[in-house]
Amino acid sequence: MKRTVSVEIAGKVYPLRQTLGVLEWIEEHHGNLASMLESMVSGASQIGTLLDIMAELMKAGAAYETKYGDPEAEFERDDKGRVLFLSREDLSLICDDDDLPTFINCILE
């Protein structure tokens, strides 16, 4: 069973993973998944919601791949072998509107 999905941003591949921790974050910040999806597609802070959830999915994906993933996988790693992820701020500085369809597809996958 595939536990993560991958996304390429700025020529580097990052894992994404939906976890209970991510669902808890969604619940704390949006009430529930349906509300998060609604604000992602029609809310006043669509871009902010996309950046937030992508950052959370990346953080969870990196944690999972670091602990349980294939050490030979194509993900960027630090000198201790931990899979790297992009923060919300990193995403906001690196990505542009061409990345939005990719973000939405990853979130819905």
Protein backbone atom coordinates (compact mmCIF):
# COMPACT_ATOMS: atom_id res chain seq x y z
CA MET A 1 0.00 0.00 0.00
CA LYS A 2 1.34 3.42 -0.97
CA ARG A 3 1.50 5.61 2.12
CA THR A 4 2.67 8.86 0.54
CA VAL A 5 2.20 10.74 -2.71
CA SER A 6 4.94 12.83 -4.25
CA VAL A 7 4.97 16.36 -5.57
CA GLU A 8 7.71 18.07 -7.53
CA ILE A 9 8.40 21.68 -6.64
CA ALA A 10 11.32 23.66 -8.05
CA GLY A 11 12.86 20.49 -9.47
CA LYS A 12 12.85 18.58 -6.17
CA VAL A 13 10.50 15.79 -5.09
CA TYR A 14 8.72 15.92 -1.73
CA PRO A 15 6.43 13.35 -0.08
CA LEU A 16 2.94 14.22 1.14
CA ARG A 17 0.95 12.17 3.63
CA GLN A 18 -2.52 12.49 5.10
CA THR A 19 -2.30 11.53 8.79
CA LEU A 20 -4.46 11.79 11.87
CA GLY A 21 -2.24 14.69 12.90
CA VAL A 22 -3.03 16.51 9.66
CA LEU A 23 -6.73 15.81 10.14
CA GLU A 24 -6.48 17.15 13.69
CA TRP A 25 -4.78 20.30 12.36
CA ILE A 26 -7.61 20.71 9.82
CA GLU A 27 -10.19 20.28 12.57
CA GLU A 28 -8.46 22.86 14.80
CA HIS A 29 -8.10 25.44 12.03
CA HIS A 30 -11.16 24.82 9.84
CA GLY A 31 -13.66 22.84 11.94
CA ASN A 32 -13.73 19.86 9.59
CA LEU A 33 -12.49 18.61 6.23
CA ALA A 34 -15.55 19.88 4.34
CA SER A 35 -15.02 23.42 5.70
CA MET A 36 -11.34 23.29 4.75
CA LEU A 37 -12.19 22.20 1.21
CA GLU A 38 -14.81 24.94 0.98
CA SER A 39 -12.34 27.63 2.04
CA MET A 40 -9.76 26.15 -0.32
CA VAL A 41 -12.00 26.64 -3.37
CA SER A 42 -14.21 29.58 -2.49
CA GLY A 43 -13.12 31.17 0.78
CA ALA A 44 -11.56 34.55 1.38
CA SER A 45 -8.17 32.95 2.03
CA GLN A 46 -7.90 30.34 -0.73
CA ILE A 47 -4.15 30.71 -1.23
CA GLY A 48 -3.50 30.75 2.51
CA THR A 49 -5.51 27.57 2.97
CA LEU A 50 -3.61 25.83 0.15
CA LEU A 51 -0.25 26.88 1.58
CA ASP A 52 -1.24 25.77 5.08
CA ILE A 53 -2.46 22.33 4.11
CA MET A 54 0.42 21.66 1.69
CA ALA A 55 2.90 22.54 4.43
CA GLU A 56 1.16 20.17 6.88
CA LEU A 57 0.98 17.35 4.32
CA MET A 58 4.68 17.82 3.47
CA LYS A 59 5.72 17.80 7.11
CA ALA A 60 3.78 14.57 7.70
CA GLY A 61 5.13 13.01 4.49
CA ALA A 62 8.71 13.84 5.43
CA ALA A 63 8.28 12.41 8.93
CA TYR A 64 6.79 9.19 7.56
CA GLU A 65 9.40 8.71 4.84
CA THR A 66 12.23 9.46 7.27
CA LYS A 67 11.03 6.81 9.72
CA TYR A 68 9.49 4.15 7.47
CA GLY A 69 10.35 4.95 3.87
CA ASP A 70 12.93 3.60 1.48
CA PRO A 71 16.28 5.27 2.25
CA GLU A 72 17.08 5.14 -1.48
CA ALA A 73 13.93 7.07 -2.45
CA GLU A 74 14.41 10.22 -4.52
CA PHE A 75 13.55 12.66 -1.72
CA GLU A 76 15.95 15.38 -0.59
CA ARG A 77 17.60 14.53 2.74
CA ASP A 78 19.73 16.32 5.28
CA ASP A 79 23.10 15.02 6.48
CA LYS A 80 21.35 12.85 9.10
CA GLY A 81 19.15 11.16 6.49
CA ARG A 82 15.94 13.01 7.41
CA VAL A 83 13.65 13.77 4.49
CA LEU A 84 13.34 17.51 3.98
CA PHE A 85 10.10 19.43 3.53
CA LEU A 86 9.15 22.97 2.64
CA SER A 87 7.60 25.24 5.24
CA ARG A 88 4.58 27.41 4.51
CA GLU A 89 6.94 30.35 4.07
CA ASP A 90 9.15 28.35 1.68
CA LEU A 91 6.11 27.37 -0.37
CA SER A 92 4.89 30.97 -0.52
CA LEU A 93 8.29 32.15 -1.80
CA ILE A 94 9.00 29.34 -4.28
CA CYS A 95 5.61 28.52 -5.79
CA ASP A 96 3.46 30.52 -8.17
CA ASP A 97 -0.01 30.26 -9.65
CA ASP A 98 1.14 27.54 -12.06
CA ASP A 99 1.59 25.28 -9.01
CA LEU A 100 -2.01 25.69 -7.79
CA PRO A 101 -3.53 22.85 -9.88
CA THR A 102 -0.78 20.53 -8.63
CA PHE A 103 -1.48 21.53 -5.02
CA ILE A 104 -5.20 20.95 -5.40
CA ASN A 105 -4.69 17.55 -7.06
CA CYS A 106 -2.29 16.47 -4.30
CA ILE A 107 -4.69 17.54 -1.56
CA LEU A 108 -7.60 15.71 -3.15
CA GLU A 109 -5.56 12.56 -3.93
